[in-house]
């Protein structure tokens, strides 16, 4: 479902992550959620922004940028939860690498504050 219907996977995984119990404590749920958000909403939002606004900014560019940024923030949050919950060093390294790349996009190419964000993410509600 993650590949064939990412929007549906996103809904399912978001519900699983928000439900108290075993699913909300599984790093794989958040890793898959990040990928589902990326494929279902972020790619189209970023593409729309780049198509309409990179060469010739229009009045709706702020709203389009905000939409893409919100999706990117959700992806970052999900990857941070996967890192925070994971006990497997290999999995943590791979997921943290993806997280770092996206985090830098939102923070002027800096990963300052990333470790603190990971340490605190589980104390916040899922966006």
PDB file of N, CA and C in Angstrom:
ATOM      1  N   UNK A   1       0.823  -1.188   0.000  1.00  0.00           N
ATOM      2  CA  UNK A   1       0.000   0.000   0.000  1.00  0.00           C
ATOM      3  C   UNK A   1       0.874   1.261   0.000  1.00  0.00           C
ATOM      4  N   UNK A   2       2.021   1.174   0.621  1.00  0.00           N
ATOM      5  CA  UNK A   2       2.909   2.322   0.697  1.00  0.00           C
ATOM      6  C   UNK A   2       3.339   2.797  -0.687  1.00  0.00           C
ATOM      7  N   UNK A   3       3.558   1.871  -1.593  1.00  0.00           N
ATOM      8  CA  UNK A   3       3.957   2.231  -2.952  1.00  0.00           C
ATOM      9  C   UNK A   3       2.767   2.470  -3.868  1.00  0.00           C
ATOM     10  N   UNK A   4       1.737   1.655  -3.736  1.00  0.00           N
ATOM     11  CA  UNK A   4       0.617   1.736  -4.660  1.00  0.00           C
ATOM     12  C   UNK A   4      -0.400   2.814  -4.285  1.00  0.00           C
ATOM     13  N   UNK A   5      -0.547   3.097  -3.014  1.00  0.00           N
ATOM     14  CA  UNK A   5      -1.515   4.100  -2.560  1.00  0.00           C
ATOM     15  C   UNK A   5      -0.980   4.834  -1.335  1.00  0.00           C
ATOM     16  N   UNK A   6       0.021   5.701  -1.535  1.00  0.00           N
ATOM     17  CA  UNK A   6       0.646   6.369  -0.391  1.00  0.00           C
ATOM     18  C   UNK A   6      -0.316   7.240   0.431  1.00  0.00           C
ATOM     19  N   UNK A   7      -1.318   7.840  -0.204  1.00  0.00           N
ATOM     20  CA  UNK A   7      -2.272   8.665   0.550  1.00  0.00           C
ATOM     21  C   UNK A   7      -3.079   7.801   1.519  1.00  0.00           C
ATOM     22  N   UNK A   8      -3.492   6.643   1.055  1.00  0.00           N
ATOM     23  CA  UNK A   8      -4.224   5.730   1.921  1.00  0.00           C
ATOM     24  C   UNK A   8      -3.309   5.190   3.024  1.00  0.00           C
ATOM     25  N   UNK A   9      -2.076   4.887   2.671  1.00  0.00           N
ATOM     26  CA  UNK A   9      -1.109   4.427   3.669  1.00  0.00           C
ATOM     27  C   UNK A   9      -0.864   5.513   4.709  1.00  0.00           C
ATOM     28  N   UNK A  10      -0.796   6.756   4.269  1.00  0.00           N
ATOM     29  CA  UNK A  10      -0.597   7.873   5.193  1.00  0.00           C
ATOM     30  C   UNK A  10      -1.730   7.940   6.221  1.00  0.00           C
ATOM     31  N   UNK A  11      -2.958   7.822   5.759  1.00  0.00           N
ATOM     32  CA  UNK A  11      -4.106   7.853   6.678  1.00  0.00           C
ATOM     33  C   UNK A  11      -4.038   6.694   7.673  1.00  0.00           C
ATOM     34  N   UNK A  12      -3.779   5.509   7.165  1.00  0.00           N
ATOM     35  CA  UNK A  12      -3.708   4.318   8.010  1.00  0.00           C
ATOM     36  C   UNK A  12      -2.587   4.457   9.041  1.00  0.00           C
ATOM     37  N   UNK A  13      -1.402   4.853   8.597  1.00  0.00           N
ATOM     38  CA  UNK A  13      -0.257   4.959   9.488  1.00  0.00           C
ATOM     39  C   UNK A  13      -0.421   6.090  10.507  1.00  0.00           C
ATOM     40  N   UNK A  14      -1.046   7.185  10.101  1.00  0.00           N
ATOM     41  CA  UNK A  14      -1.309   8.267  11.046  1.00  0.00           C
ATOM     42  C   UNK A  14      -2.240   7.784  12.150  1.00  0.00           C
ATOM     43  N   UNK A  15      -3.288   7.067  11.773  1.00  0.00           N
ATOM     44  CA  UNK A  15      -4.200   6.510  12.775  1.00  0.00           C
ATOM     45  C   UNK A  15      -3.481   5.520  13.683  1.00  0.00           C
ATOM     46  N   UNK A  16      -2.646   4.676  13.123  1.00  0.00           N
ATOM     47  CA  UNK A  16      -1.897   3.703  13.925  1.00  0.00           C
ATOM     48  C   UNK A  16      -0.965   4.415  14.906  1.00  0.00           C
ATOM     49  N   UNK A  17      -0.317   5.470  14.437  1.00  0.00           N
ATOM     50  CA  UNK A  17       0.615   6.207  15.296  1.00  0.00           C
ATOM     51  C   UNK A  17      -0.103   6.955  16.415  1.00  0.00           C
ATOM     52  N   UNK A  18      -1.331   7.388  16.166  1.00  0.00           N
ATOM     53  CA  UNK A  18      -2.084   8.141  17.168  1.00  0.00           C
ATOM     54  C   UNK A  18      -2.820   7.246  18.160  1.00  0.00           C
ATOM     55  N   UNK A  19      -2.925   5.967  17.853  1.00  0.00           N
ATOM     56  CA  UNK A  19      -3.628   5.033  18.724  1.00  0.00           C
ATOM     57  C   UNK A  19      -2.696   4.588  19.840  1.00  0.00           C
ATOM     58  N   UNK A  20      -3.128   4.731  21.099  1.00  0.00           N
ATOM     59  CA  UNK A  20      -2.274   4.241  22.180  1.00  0.00           C
ATOM     60  C   UNK A  20      -2.089   2.722  22.044  1.00  0.00           C
ATOM     61  N   UNK A  21      -0.898   2.279  22.273  1.00  0.00           N
ATOM     62  CA  UNK A  21      -0.643   0.845  22.171  1.00  0.00           C
ATOM     63  C   UNK A  21       0.632   0.555  21.429  1.00  0.00           C
ATOM     64  N   UNK A  22       0.748  -0.676  20.990  1.00  0.00           N
ATOM     65  CA  UNK A  22       1.990  -1.169  20.396  1.00  0.00           C
ATOM     66  C   UNK A  22       2.383  -0.434  19.116  1.00  0.00           C
ATOM     67  N   UNK A  23       1.429  -0.129  18.255  1.00  0.00           N
ATOM     68  CA  UNK A  23       1.770   0.524  16.982  1.00  0.00           C
ATOM     69  C   UNK A  23       2.443   1.877  17.189  1.00  0.00           C
ATOM     70  N   UNK A  24       1.984   2.632  18.162  1.00  0.00           N
ATOM     71  CA  UNK A  24       2.533   3.967  18.373  1.00  0.00           C
ATOM     72  C   UNK A  24       3.949   3.941  18.932  1.00  0.00           C
ATOM     73  N   UNK A  25       4.437   2.774  19.265  1.00  0.00           N
ATOM     74  CA  UNK A  25       5.789   2.647  19.810  1.00  0.00           C
ATOM     75  C   UNK A  25       6.740   1.921  18.850  1.00  0.00           C
ATOM     76  N   UNK A  26       6.283   1.685  17.634  1.00  0.00           N
ATOM     77  CA  UNK A  26       7.092   0.978  16.645  1.00  0.00           C
ATOM     78  C   UNK A  26       7.784   1.961  15.701  1.00  0.00           C
ATOM     79  N   UNK A  27       9.116   1.969  15.669  1.00  0.00           N
ATOM     80  CA  UNK A  27       9.815   2.896  14.769  1.00  0.00           C
ATOM     81  C   UNK A  27       9.447   2.691  13.304  1.00  0.00           C
ATOM     82  N   UNK A  28       9.141   1.458  12.911  1.00  0.00           N
ATOM     83  CA  UNK A  28       8.802   1.185  11.512  1.00  0.00           C
ATOM     84  C   UNK A  28       7.528   1.919  11.089  1.00  0.00           C
ATOM     85  N   UNK A  29       6.606   2.121  12.017  1.00  0.00           N
ATOM     86  CA  UNK A  29       5.377   2.859  11.708  1.00  0.00           C
ATOM     87  C   UNK A  29       5.726   4.289  11.299  1.00  0.00           C
ATOM     88  N   UNK A  30       6.619   4.926  12.034  1.00  0.00           N
ATOM     89  CA  UNK A  30       6.980   6.322  11.755  1.00  0.00           C
ATOM     90  C   UNK A  30       7.859   6.443  10.515  1.00  0.00           C
ATOM     91  N   UNK A  31       8.732   5.468  10.294  1.00  0.00           N
ATOM     92  CA  UNK A  31       9.534   5.467   9.075  1.00  0.00           C
ATOM     93  C   UNK A  31       8.627   5.353   7.854  1.00  0.00           C
ATOM     94  N   UNK A  32       7.677   4.441   7.916  1.00  0.00           N
ATOM     95  CA  UNK A  32       6.725   4.279   6.809  1.00  0.00           C
ATOM     96  C   UNK A  32       5.832   5.508   6.670  1.00  0.00           C
ATOM     97  N   UNK A  33       5.445   6.112   7.784  1.00  0.00           N
ATOM     98  CA  UNK A  33       4.621   7.320   7.734  1.00  0.00           C
ATOM     99  C   UNK A  33       5.372   8.447   7.036  1.00  0.00           C
ATOM    100  N   UNK A  34       6.633   8.614   7.357  1.00  0.00           N
ATOM    101  CA  UNK A  34       7.435   9.654   6.697  1.00  0.00           C
ATOM    102  C   UNK A  34       7.469   9.436   5.188  1.00  0.00           C
ATOM    103  N   UNK A  35       7.687   8.193   4.776  1.00  0.00           N
ATOM    104  CA  UNK A  35       7.731   7.893   3.342  1.00  0.00           C
ATOM    105  C   UNK A  35       6.367   8.086   2.685  1.00  0.00           C
ATOM    106  N   UNK A  36       5.304   7.745   3.406  1.00  0.00           N
ATOM    107  CA  UNK A  36       3.955   7.921   2.855  1.00  0.00           C
ATOM    108  C   UNK A  36       3.632   9.404   2.668  1.00  0.00           C
ATOM    109  N   UNK A  37       3.959  10.218   3.654  1.00  0.00           N
ATOM    110  CA  UNK A  37       3.720  11.668   3.536  1.00  0.00           C
ATOM    111  C   UNK A  37       4.529  12.227   2.377  1.00  0.00           C
ATOM    112  N   UNK A  38       5.772  11.821   2.289  1.00  0.00           N
ATOM    113  CA  UNK A  38       6.633  12.293   1.211  1.00  0.00           C
ATOM    114  C   UNK A  38       6.017  11.977  -0.146  1.00  0.00           C
ATOM    115  N   UNK A  39       5.605  10.725  -0.333  1.00  0.00           N
ATOM    116  CA  UNK A  39       5.074  10.292  -1.634  1.00  0.00           C
ATOM    117  C   UNK A  39       3.645  10.768  -1.898  1.00  0.00           C
ATOM    118  N   UNK A  40       2.846  10.918  -0.860  1.00  0.00           N
ATOM    119  CA  UNK A  40       1.437  11.248  -1.097  1.00  0.00           C
ATOM    120  C   UNK A  40       1.180  12.748  -1.191  1.00  0.00           C
ATOM    121  N   UNK A  41       1.888  13.555  -0.416  1.00  0.00           N
ATOM    122  CA  UNK A  41       1.557  14.981  -0.411  1.00  0.00           C
ATOM    123  C   UNK A  41       2.748  15.904  -0.624  1.00  0.00           C
ATOM    124  N   UNK A  42       3.908  15.566  -0.079  1.00  0.00           N
ATOM    125  CA  UNK A  42       5.033  16.490  -0.179  1.00  0.00           C
ATOM    126  C   UNK A  42       5.518  16.662  -1.611  1.00  0.00           C
ATOM    127  N   UNK A  43       5.716  15.579  -2.319  1.00  0.00           N
ATOM    128  CA  UNK A  43       6.244  15.673  -3.688  1.00  0.00           C
ATOM    129  C   UNK A  43       5.351  16.555  -4.551  1.00  0.00           C
ATOM    130  N   UNK A  44       4.042  16.353  -4.469  1.00  0.00           N
ATOM    131  CA  UNK A  44       3.144  17.173  -5.300  1.00  0.00           C
ATOM    132  C   UNK A  44       3.137  18.630  -4.835  1.00  0.00           C
ATOM    133  N   UNK A  45       3.182  18.868  -3.529  1.00  0.00           N
ATOM    134  CA  UNK A  45       3.193  20.249  -3.028  1.00  0.00           C
ATOM    135  C   UNK A  45       4.487  20.955  -3.424  1.00  0.00           C
ATOM    136  N   UNK A  46       5.616  20.290  -3.288  1.00  0.00           N
ATOM    137  CA  UNK A  46       6.894  20.892  -3.666  1.00  0.00           C
ATOM    138  C   UNK A  46       6.983  21.114  -5.170  1.00  0.00           C
ATOM    139  N   UNK A  47       6.483  20.169  -5.942  1.00  0.00           N
ATOM    140  CA  UNK A  47       6.490  20.311  -7.399  1.00  0.00           C
ATOM    141  C   UNK A  47       5.621  21.487  -7.825  1.00  0.00           C
ATOM    142  N   UNK A  48       4.452  21.610  -7.238  1.00  0.00           N
ATOM    143  CA  UNK A  48       3.568  22.724  -7.571  1.00  0.00           C
ATOM    144  C   UNK A  48       4.237  24.057  -7.235  1.00  0.00           C
ATOM    145  N   UNK A  49       4.865  24.131  -6.077  1.00  0.00           N
ATOM    146  CA  UNK A  49       5.565  25.358  -5.685  1.00  0.00           C
ATOM    147  C   UNK A  49       6.688  25.668  -6.675  1.00  0.00           C
ATOM    148  N   UNK A  50       7.525  24.679  -6.967  1.00  0.00           N
ATOM    149  CA  UNK A  50       8.651  24.897  -7.877  1.00  0.00           C
ATOM    150  C   UNK A  50       8.186  25.287  -9.280  1.00  0.00           C
ATOM    151  N   UNK A  51       7.120  24.661  -9.753  1.00  0.00           N
ATOM    152  CA  UNK A  51       6.611  24.957 -11.088  1.00  0.00           C
ATOM    153  C   UNK A  51       6.062  26.379 -11.185  1.00  0.00           C
ATOM    154  N   UNK A  52       5.305  26.780 -10.187  1.00  0.00           N
ATOM    155  CA  UNK A  52       4.647  28.074 -10.248  1.00  0.00           C
ATOM    156  C   UNK A  52       5.495  29.235  -9.743  1.00  0.00           C
ATOM    157  N   UNK A  53       6.449  28.962  -8.857  1.00  0.00           N
ATOM    158  CA  UNK A  53       7.055  30.065  -8.122  1.00  0.00           C
ATOM    159  C   UNK A  53       8.548  30.263  -8.330  1.00  0.00           C
ATOM    160  N   UNK A  54       9.264  29.273  -8.749  1.00  0.00           N
ATOM    161  CA  UNK A  54      10.720  29.431  -8.865  1.00  0.00           C
ATOM    162  C   UNK A  54      11.108  30.478  -9.907  1.00  0.00           C
ATOM    163  N   UNK A  55      10.564  30.398 -11.085  1.00  0.00           N
ATOM    164  CA  UNK A  55      10.943  31.319 -12.154  1.00  0.00           C
ATOM    165  C   UNK A  55      10.151  32.621 -12.119  1.00  0.00           C
ATOM    166  N   UNK A  56       8.910  32.553 -11.690  1.00  0.00           N
ATOM    167  CA  UNK A  56       8.043  33.715 -11.774  1.00  0.00           C
ATOM    168  C   UNK A  56       7.075  33.724 -10.585  1.00  0.00           C
ATOM    169  N   UNK A  57       7.492  34.263  -9.437  1.00  0.00           N
ATOM    170  CA  UNK A  57       6.632  34.246  -8.255  1.00  0.00           C
ATOM    171  C   UNK A  57       5.260  34.869  -8.521  1.00  0.00           C
ATOM    172  N   UNK A  58       4.237  34.218  -7.997  1.00  0.00           N
ATOM    173  CA  UNK A  58       2.871  34.717  -8.111  1.00  0.00           C
ATOM    174  C   UNK A  58       2.313  34.902  -6.708  1.00  0.00           C
ATOM    175  N   UNK A  59       1.152  35.473  -6.621  1.00  0.00           N
ATOM    176  CA  UNK A  59       0.585  35.815  -5.321  1.00  0.00           C
ATOM    177  C   UNK A  59       0.335  34.616  -4.421  1.00  0.00           C
ATOM    178  N   UNK A  60       0.146  33.456  -4.992  1.00  0.00           N
ATOM    179  CA  UNK A  60      -0.153  32.280  -4.182  1.00  0.00           C
ATOM    180  C   UNK A  60       1.092  31.542  -3.703  1.00  0.00           C
ATOM    181  N   UNK A  61       2.278  32.053  -3.999  1.00  0.00           N
ATOM    182  CA  UNK A  61       3.515  31.351  -3.657  1.00  0.00           C
ATOM    183  C   UNK A  61       3.700  31.166  -2.156  1.00  0.00           C
ATOM    184  N   UNK A  62       3.333  32.145  -1.356  1.00  0.00           N
ATOM    185  CA  UNK A  62       3.491  31.994   0.092  1.00  0.00           C
ATOM    186  C   UNK A  62       2.665  30.827   0.608  1.00  0.00           C
ATOM    187  N   UNK A  63       1.452  30.703   0.135  1.00  0.00           N
ATOM    188  CA  UNK A  63       0.582  29.606   0.564  1.00  0.00           C
ATOM    189  C   UNK A  63       1.114  28.261   0.063  1.00  0.00           C
ATOM    190  N   UNK A  64       1.611  28.220  -1.162  1.00  0.00           N
ATOM    191  CA  UNK A  64       2.168  26.983  -1.699  1.00  0.00           C
ATOM    192  C   UNK A  64       3.423  26.564  -0.937  1.00  0.00           C
ATOM    193  N   UNK A  65       4.265  27.541  -0.601  1.00  0.00           N
ATOM    194  CA  UNK A  65       5.472  27.245   0.174  1.00  0.00           C
ATOM    195  C   UNK A  65       5.091  26.730   1.557  1.00  0.00           C
ATOM    196  N   UNK A  66       4.133  27.367   2.193  1.00  0.00           N
ATOM    197  CA  UNK A  66       3.692  26.950   3.528  1.00  0.00           C
ATOM    198  C   UNK A  66       3.153  25.524   3.513  1.00  0.00           C
ATOM    199  N   UNK A  67       2.425  25.177   2.470  1.00  0.00           N
ATOM    200  CA  UNK A  67       1.871  23.823   2.352  1.00  0.00           C
ATOM    201  C   UNK A  67       3.002  22.799   2.244  1.00  0.00           C
ATOM    202  N   UNK A  68       3.977  23.062   1.391  1.00  0.00           N
ATOM    203  CA  UNK A  68       5.111  22.145   1.236  1.00  0.00           C
ATOM    204  C   UNK A  68       5.923  22.074   2.530  1.00  0.00           C
ATOM    205  N   UNK A  69       6.121  23.208   3.177  1.00  0.00           N
ATOM    206  CA  UNK A  69       6.883  23.244   4.424  1.00  0.00           C
ATOM    207  C   UNK A  69       6.171  22.451   5.526  1.00  0.00           C
ATOM    208  N   UNK A  70       4.860  22.550   5.580  1.00  0.00           N
ATOM    209  CA  UNK A  70       4.102  21.808   6.581  1.00  0.00           C
ATOM    210  C   UNK A  70       4.260  20.302   6.368  1.00  0.00           C
ATOM    211  N   UNK A  71       4.213  19.859   5.132  1.00  0.00           N
ATOM    212  CA  UNK A  71       4.401  18.441   4.839  1.00  0.00           C
ATOM    213  C   UNK A  71       5.822  18.004   5.200  1.00  0.00           C
ATOM    214  N   UNK A  72       6.798  18.847   4.899  1.00  0.00           N
ATOM    215  CA  UNK A  72       8.181  18.532   5.225  1.00  0.00           C
ATOM    216  C   UNK A  72       8.363  18.441   6.740  1.00  0.00           C
ATOM    217  N   UNK A  73       7.724  19.322   7.480  1.00  0.00           N
ATOM    218  CA  UNK A  73       7.784  19.271   8.944  1.00  0.00           C
ATOM    219  C   UNK A  73       7.187  17.978   9.484  1.00  0.00           C
ATOM    220  N   UNK A  74       6.127  17.503   8.870  1.00  0.00           N
ATOM    221  CA  UNK A  74       5.514  16.229   9.293  1.00  0.00           C
ATOM    222  C   UNK A  74       6.450  15.050   9.002  1.00  0.00           C
ATOM    223  N   UNK A  75       7.142  15.103   7.876  1.00  0.00           N
ATOM    224  CA  UNK A  75       8.099  14.052   7.533  1.00  0.00           C
ATOM    225  C   UNK A  75       9.249  14.057   8.537  1.00  0.00           C
ATOM    226  N   UNK A  76       9.770  15.228   8.837  1.00  0.00           N
ATOM    227  CA  UNK A  76      10.855  15.365   9.813  1.00  0.00           C
ATOM    228  C   UNK A  76      10.420  14.819  11.166  1.00  0.00           C
ATOM    229  N   UNK A  77       9.220  15.166  11.594  1.00  0.00           N
ATOM    230  CA  UNK A  77       8.693  14.681  12.860  1.00  0.00           C
ATOM    231  C   UNK A  77       8.616  13.152  12.870  1.00  0.00           C
ATOM    232  N   UNK A  78       8.097  12.572  11.815  1.00  0.00           N
ATOM    233  CA  UNK A  78       7.956  11.116  11.751  1.00  0.00           C
ATOM    234  C   UNK A  78       9.323  10.432  11.775  1.00  0.00           C
ATOM    235  N   UNK A  79      10.283  10.930  11.005  1.00  0.00           N
ATOM    236  CA  UNK A  79      11.619  10.338  11.032  1.00  0.00           C
ATOM    237  C   UNK A  79      12.262  10.491  12.412  1.00  0.00           C
ATOM    238  N   UNK A  80      12.066  11.631  13.059  1.00  0.00           N
ATOM    239  CA  UNK A  80      12.621  11.836  14.401  1.00  0.00           C
ATOM    240  C   UNK A  80      12.030  10.835  15.395  1.00  0.00           C
ATOM    241  N   UNK A  81      10.733  10.559  15.273  1.00  0.00           N
ATOM    242  CA  UNK A  81      10.096   9.560  16.144  1.00  0.00           C
ATOM    243  C   UNK A  81      10.668   8.164  15.876  1.00  0.00           C
ATOM    244  N   UNK A  82      10.906   7.850  14.617  1.00  0.00           N
ATOM    245  CA  UNK A  82      11.497   6.549  14.281  1.00  0.00           C
ATOM    246  C   UNK A  82      12.887   6.419  14.909  1.00  0.00           C
ATOM    247  N   UNK A  83      13.680   7.474  14.840  1.00  0.00           N
ATOM    248  CA  UNK A  83      15.017   7.458  15.440  1.00  0.00           C
ATOM    249  C   UNK A  83      14.920   7.338  16.960  1.00  0.00           C
ATOM    250  N   UNK A  84      14.038   8.122  17.559  1.00  0.00           N
ATOM    251  CA  UNK A  84      13.902   8.123  19.013  1.00  0.00           C
ATOM    252  C   UNK A  84      13.452   6.768  19.553  1.00  0.00           C
ATOM    253  N   UNK A  85      12.643   6.057  18.801  1.00  0.00           N
ATOM    254  CA  UNK A  85      12.101   4.774  19.263  1.00  0.00           C
ATOM    255  C   UNK A  85      12.970   3.564  18.908  1.00  0.00           C
ATOM    256  N   UNK A  86      13.829   3.705  17.931  1.00  0.00           N
ATOM    257  CA  UNK A  86      14.587   2.563  17.432  1.00  0.00           C
ATOM    258  C   UNK A  86      15.713   2.160  18.384  1.00  0.00           C
ATOM    259  N   UNK A  87      15.892   0.866  18.488  1.00  0.00           N
ATOM    260  CA  UNK A  87      16.986   0.295  19.293  1.00  0.00           C
ATOM    261  C   UNK A  87      18.075  -0.299  18.402  1.00  0.00           C
ATOM    262  N   UNK A  88      17.819  -0.355  17.102  1.00  0.00           N
ATOM    263  CA  UNK A  88      18.749  -0.959  16.146  1.00  0.00           C
ATOM    264  C   UNK A  88      19.692   0.114  15.588  1.00  0.00           C
ATOM    265  N   UNK A  89      20.995   0.041  15.913  1.00  0.00           N
ATOM    266  CA  UNK A  89      21.936   1.077  15.468  1.00  0.00           C
ATOM    267  C   UNK A  89      21.990   1.261  13.953  1.00  0.00           C
ATOM    268  N   UNK A  90      21.871   0.179  13.195  1.00  0.00           N
ATOM    269  CA  UNK A  90      21.908   0.280  11.736  1.00  0.00           C
ATOM    270  C   UNK A  90      20.692   1.043  11.230  1.00  0.00           C
ATOM    271  N   UNK A  91      19.540   0.726  11.770  1.00  0.00           N
ATOM    272  CA  UNK A  91      18.311   1.406  11.388  1.00  0.00           C
ATOM    273  C   UNK A  91      18.355   2.876  11.784  1.00  0.00           C
ATOM    274  N   UNK A  92      18.856   3.145  12.982  1.00  0.00           N
ATOM    275  CA  UNK A  92      18.962   4.526  13.458  1.00  0.00           C
ATOM    276  C   UNK A  92      19.851   5.339  12.523  1.00  0.00           C
ATOM    277  N   UNK A  93      20.983   4.776  12.140  1.00  0.00           N
ATOM    278  CA  UNK A  93      21.923   5.502  11.276  1.00  0.00           C
ATOM    279  C   UNK A  93      21.290   5.854   9.935  1.00  0.00           C
ATOM    280  N   UNK A  94      20.615   4.901   9.321  1.00  0.00           N
ATOM    281  CA  UNK A  94      19.996   5.150   8.010  1.00  0.00           C
ATOM    282  C   UNK A  94      18.873   6.164   8.112  1.00  0.00           C
ATOM    283  N   UNK A  95      18.026   6.013   9.124  1.00  0.00           N
ATOM    284  CA  UNK A  95      16.901   6.928   9.282  1.00  0.00           C
ATOM    285  C   UNK A  95      17.393   8.316   9.658  1.00  0.00           C
ATOM    286  N   UNK A  96      18.400   8.379  10.523  1.00  0.00           N
ATOM    287  CA  UNK A  96      18.919   9.693  10.942  1.00  0.00           C
ATOM    288  C   UNK A  96      19.578  10.413   9.770  1.00  0.00           C
ATOM    289  N   UNK A  97      20.153   9.673   8.846  1.00  0.00           N
ATOM    290  CA  UNK A  97      20.740  10.303   7.661  1.00  0.00           C
ATOM    291  C   UNK A  97      19.646  10.978   6.828  1.00  0.00           C
ATOM    292  N   UNK A  98      18.536  10.274   6.598  1.00  0.00           N
ATOM    293  CA  UNK A  98      17.402  10.870   5.878  1.00  0.00           C
ATOM    294  C   UNK A  98      16.858  12.070   6.637  1.00  0.00           C
ATOM    295  N   UNK A  99      16.718  11.911   7.941  1.00  0.00           N
ATOM    296  CA  UNK A  99      16.212  12.987   8.787  1.00  0.00           C
ATOM    297  C   UNK A  99      17.109  14.211   8.704  1.00  0.00           C
ATOM    298  N   UNK A 100      18.391  14.014   8.787  1.00  0.00           N
ATOM    299  CA  UNK A 100      19.340  15.130   8.759  1.00  0.00           C
ATOM    300  C   UNK A 100      19.245  15.927   7.459  1.00  0.00           C
ATOM    301  N   UNK A 101      19.130  15.235   6.351  1.00  0.00           N
ATOM    302  CA  UNK A 101      19.017  15.916   5.053  1.00  0.00           C
ATOM    303  C   UNK A 101      17.781  16.819   5.029  1.00  0.00           C
ATOM    304  N   UNK A 102      16.653  16.286   5.474  1.00  0.00           N
ATOM    305  CA  UNK A 102      15.407  17.060   5.457  1.00  0.00           C
ATOM    306  C   UNK A 102      15.414  18.172   6.509  1.00  0.00           C
ATOM    307  N   UNK A 103      15.962  17.863   7.685  1.00  0.00           N
ATOM    308  CA  UNK A 103      16.048  18.861   8.748  1.00  0.00           C
ATOM    309  C   UNK A 103      16.862  20.072   8.279  1.00  0.00           C
ATOM    310  N   UNK A 104      17.973  19.810   7.596  1.00  0.00           N
ATOM    311  CA  UNK A 104      18.815  20.890   7.077  1.00  0.00           C
ATOM    312  C   UNK A 104      18.063  21.752   6.060  1.00  0.00           C
ATOM    313  N   UNK A 105      17.189  21.142   5.274  1.00  0.00           N
ATOM    314  CA  UNK A 105      16.397  21.917   4.309  1.00  0.00           C
ATOM    315  C   UNK A 105      15.545  22.955   5.014  1.00  0.00           C
ATOM    316  N   UNK A 106      15.062  22.631   6.183  1.00  0.00           N
ATOM    317  CA  UNK A 106      14.178  23.548   6.932  1.00  0.00           C
ATOM    318  C   UNK A 106      14.947  24.478   7.861  1.00  0.00           C
ATOM    319  N   UNK A 107      16.265  24.247   8.043  1.00  0.00           N
ATOM    320  CA  UNK A 107      17.032  25.024   9.010  1.00  0.00           C
ATOM    321  C   UNK A 107      18.317  25.573   8.399  1.00  0.00           C
ATOM    322  N   UNK A 108      18.192  26.202   7.251  1.00  0.00           N
ATOM    323  CA  UNK A 108      19.308  26.896   6.604  1.00  0.00           C
ATOM    324  C   UNK A 108      20.580  26.051   6.500  1.00  0.00           C
ATOM    325  N   UNK A 109      20.396  24.813   6.061  1.00  0.00           N
ATOM    326  CA  UNK A 109      21.494  23.874   5.834  1.00  0.00           C
ATOM    327  C   UNK A 109      22.312  23.581   7.097  1.00  0.00           C
ATOM    328  N   UNK A 110      21.651  23.636   8.245  1.00  0.00           N
ATOM    329  CA  UNK A 110      22.304  23.350   9.525  1.00  0.00           C
ATOM    330  C   UNK A 110      21.534  22.255  10.258  1.00  0.00           C
ATOM    331  N   UNK A 111      22.267  21.384  10.927  1.00  0.00           N
ATOM    332  CA  UNK A 111      21.603  20.380  11.750  1.00  0.00           C
ATOM    333  C   UNK A 111      21.672  20.736  13.238  1.00  0.00           C
ATOM    334  N   UNK A 112      21.987  21.979  13.536  1.00  0.00           N
ATOM    335  CA  UNK A 112      21.997  22.448  14.923  1.00  0.00           C
ATOM    336  C   UNK A 112      20.602  22.273  15.520  1.00  0.00           C
ATOM    337  N   UNK A 113      20.544  21.668  16.666  1.00  0.00           N
ATOM    338  CA  UNK A 113      19.265  21.441  17.328  1.00  0.00           C
ATOM    339  C   UNK A 113      18.606  20.118  16.983  1.00  0.00           C
ATOM    340  N   UNK A 114      19.172  19.375  16.050  1.00  0.00           N
ATOM    341  CA  UNK A 114      18.553  18.121  15.624  1.00  0.00           C
ATOM    342  C   UNK A 114      18.506  17.101  16.758  1.00  0.00           C
ATOM    343  N   UNK A 115      19.602  16.927  17.468  1.00  0.00           N
ATOM    344  CA  UNK A 115      19.616  15.945  18.555  1.00  0.00           C
ATOM    345  C   UNK A 115      18.619  16.307  19.648  1.00  0.00           C
ATOM    346  N   UNK A 116      18.500  17.574  19.948  1.00  0.00           N
ATOM    347  CA  UNK A 116      17.512  18.019  20.943  1.00  0.00           C
ATOM    348  C   UNK A 116      16.095  17.748  20.434  1.00  0.00           C
ATOM    349  N   UNK A 117      15.866  18.017  19.154  1.00  0.00           N
ATOM    350  CA  UNK A 117      14.556  17.759  18.550  1.00  0.00           C
ATOM    351  C   UNK A 117      14.192  16.281  18.686  1.00  0.00           C
ATOM    352  N   UNK A 118      15.146  15.400  18.386  1.00  0.00           N
ATOM    353  CA  UNK A 118      14.905  13.959  18.490  1.00  0.00           C
ATOM    354  C   UNK A 118      14.601  13.583  19.937  1.00  0.00           C
ATOM    355  N   UNK A 119      15.366  14.141  20.865  1.00  0.00           N
ATOM    356  CA  UNK A 119      15.184  13.808  22.282  1.00  0.00           C
ATOM    357  C   UNK A 119      13.817  14.245  22.813  1.00  0.00           C
ATOM    358  N   UNK A 120      13.253  15.296  22.244  1.00  0.00           N
ATOM    359  CA  UNK A 120      11.988  15.849  22.743  1.00  0.00           C
ATOM    360  C   UNK A 120      10.761  15.448  21.931  1.00  0.00           C
ATOM    361  N   UNK A 121      10.936  14.861  20.767  1.00  0.00           N
ATOM    362  CA  UNK A 121       9.818  14.643  19.846  1.00  0.00           C
ATOM    363  C   UNK A 121       8.715  13.762  20.427  1.00  0.00           C
ATOM    364  N   UNK A 122       9.072  12.769  21.215  1.00  0.00           N
ATOM    365  CA  UNK A 122       8.068  11.856  21.737  1.00  0.00           C
ATOM    366  C   UNK A 122       7.198  12.490  22.818  1.00  0.00           C
ATOM    367  N   UNK A 123       7.624  13.637  23.347  1.00  0.00           N
ATOM    368  CA  UNK A 123       6.826  14.323  24.366  1.00  0.00           C
ATOM    369  C   UNK A 123       5.771  15.249  23.743  1.00  0.00           C
ATOM    370  N   UNK A 124       5.791  15.330  22.420  1.00  0.00           N
ATOM    371  CA  UNK A 124       4.845  16.203  21.707  1.00  0.00           C
ATOM    372  C   UNK A 124       3.833  15.354  20.956  1.00  0.00           C
ATOM    373  N   UNK A 125       2.638  15.906  20.731  1.00  0.00           N
ATOM    374  CA  UNK A 125       1.653  15.150  19.938  1.00  0.00           C
ATOM    375  C   UNK A 125       2.071  15.074  18.470  1.00  0.00           C
ATOM    376  N   UNK A 126       1.632  14.032  17.830  1.00  0.00           N
ATOM    377  CA  UNK A 126       1.892  13.853  16.395  1.00  0.00           C
ATOM    378  C   UNK A 126       1.179  14.970  15.638  1.00  0.00           C
ATOM    379  N   UNK A 127       1.919  15.668  14.767  1.00  0.00           N
ATOM    380  CA  UNK A 127       1.253  16.776  14.024  1.00  0.00           C
ATOM    381  C   UNK A 127       0.257  16.258  13.000  1.00  0.00           C
TER     382      UNK A 127
END
